[in-house]
Amino acid sequence: IYIYIYIYIYNFLNKTILEYLACHINTVIYSYINYKVEKKVKCKIQIYVY
């Protein structure tokens, strides 16, 4: 039981970290076009969407 919970948490953290990195890369691209404030907002919105 503990092993399954650990794997679930590990996969969840891996997923969120990968999504955060993908979000960060997207915001870096957006930052060339948009303002820094919009960059932060889009990053937060993308994280909440997942």
C-alpha atoms as a PDB file:
ATOM      1  CA  ILE A   1       0.000   0.000   0.000  1.00  0.00           C
ATOM      2  CA  TYR A   2       2.769   2.449   0.929  1.00  0.00           C
ATOM      3  CA  ILE A   3       4.655   1.653  -2.269  1.00  0.00           C
ATOM      4  CA  TYR A   4       1.643   2.498  -4.430  1.00  0.00           C
ATOM      5  CA  ILE A   5       1.111   5.778  -2.556  1.00  0.00           C
ATOM      6  CA  TYR A   6       4.801   6.649  -2.923  1.00  0.00           C
ATOM      7  CA  ILE A   7       4.731   5.914  -6.666  1.00  0.00           C
ATOM      8  CA  TYR A   8       1.537   7.971  -7.042  1.00  0.00           C
ATOM      9  CA  ILE A   9       3.053  10.933  -5.202  1.00  0.00           C
ATOM     10  CA  TYR A  10       6.306  10.593  -7.152  1.00  0.00           C
ATOM     11  CA  ASN A  11       4.448  10.510 -10.481  1.00  0.00           C
ATOM     12  CA  PHE A  12       2.309  13.465  -9.396  1.00  0.00           C
ATOM     13  CA  LEU A  13       5.387  15.509  -8.463  1.00  0.00           C
ATOM     14  CA  ASN A  14       7.146  14.531 -11.683  1.00  0.00           C
ATOM     15  CA  LYS A  15       4.083  15.551 -13.692  1.00  0.00           C
ATOM     16  CA  THR A  16       3.755  18.910 -11.939  1.00  0.00           C
ATOM     17  CA  ILE A  17       7.494  19.636 -12.267  1.00  0.00           C
ATOM     18  CA  LEU A  18       7.447  18.792 -15.986  1.00  0.00           C
ATOM     19  CA  GLU A  19       4.333  20.919 -16.491  1.00  0.00           C
ATOM     20  CA  TYR A  20       5.926  23.770 -14.527  1.00  0.00           C
ATOM     21  CA  LEU A  21       9.059  23.568 -16.696  1.00  0.00           C
ATOM     22  CA  ALA A  22       6.933  23.465 -19.850  1.00  0.00           C
ATOM     23  CA  CYS A  23       5.009  26.444 -18.502  1.00  0.00           C
ATOM     24  CA  HIS A  24       8.255  28.282 -17.760  1.00  0.00           C
ATOM     25  CA  ILE A  25       9.555  27.642 -21.283  1.00  0.00           C
ATOM     26  CA  ASN A  26       6.248  28.870 -22.728  1.00  0.00           C
ATOM     27  CA  THR A  27       6.385  32.019 -20.590  1.00  0.00           C
ATOM     28  CA  VAL A  28       9.945  32.714 -21.723  1.00  0.00           C
ATOM     29  CA  ILE A  29       8.688  32.628 -25.310  1.00  0.00           C
ATOM     30  CA  TYR A  30       5.675  34.758 -24.366  1.00  0.00           C
ATOM     31  CA  SER A  31       7.905  37.249 -22.549  1.00  0.00           C
ATOM     32  CA  TYR A  32       9.466  38.313 -25.841  1.00  0.00           C
ATOM     33  CA  ILE A  33       5.987  39.320 -27.018  1.00  0.00           C
ATOM     34  CA  ASN A  34       4.112  40.294 -23.844  1.00  0.00           C
ATOM     35  CA  TYR A  35       4.838  42.176 -20.622  1.00  0.00           C
ATOM     36  CA  LYS A  36       6.365  40.470 -17.583  1.00  0.00           C
ATOM     37  CA  VAL A  37       3.110  40.755 -15.624  1.00  0.00           C
ATOM     38  CA  GLU A  38       1.201  38.898 -18.334  1.00  0.00           C
ATOM     39  CA  LYS A  39       3.973  36.294 -18.359  1.00  0.00           C
ATOM     40  CA  LYS A  40       3.416  35.509 -14.677  1.00  0.00           C
ATOM     41  CA  VAL A  41      -0.363  35.443 -15.070  1.00  0.00           C
ATOM     42  CA  LYS A  42      -0.198  33.069 -18.052  1.00  0.00           C
ATOM     43  CA  CYS A  43       2.142  30.775 -16.154  1.00  0.00           C
ATOM     44  CA  LYS A  44      -0.248  30.601 -13.191  1.00  0.00           C
ATOM     45  CA  ILE A  45      -3.231  30.048 -15.481  1.00  0.00           C
ATOM     46  CA  GLN A  46      -1.449  27.206 -17.299  1.00  0.00           C
ATOM     47  CA  ILE A  47      -0.545  25.533 -14.008  1.00  0.00           C
ATOM     48  CA  TYR A  48      -4.142  25.790 -12.760  1.00  0.00           C
ATOM     49  CA  VAL A  49      -5.496  24.410 -16.043  1.00  0.00           C
ATOM     50  CA  TYR A  50      -3.577  21.178 -15.496  1.00  0.00           C
END
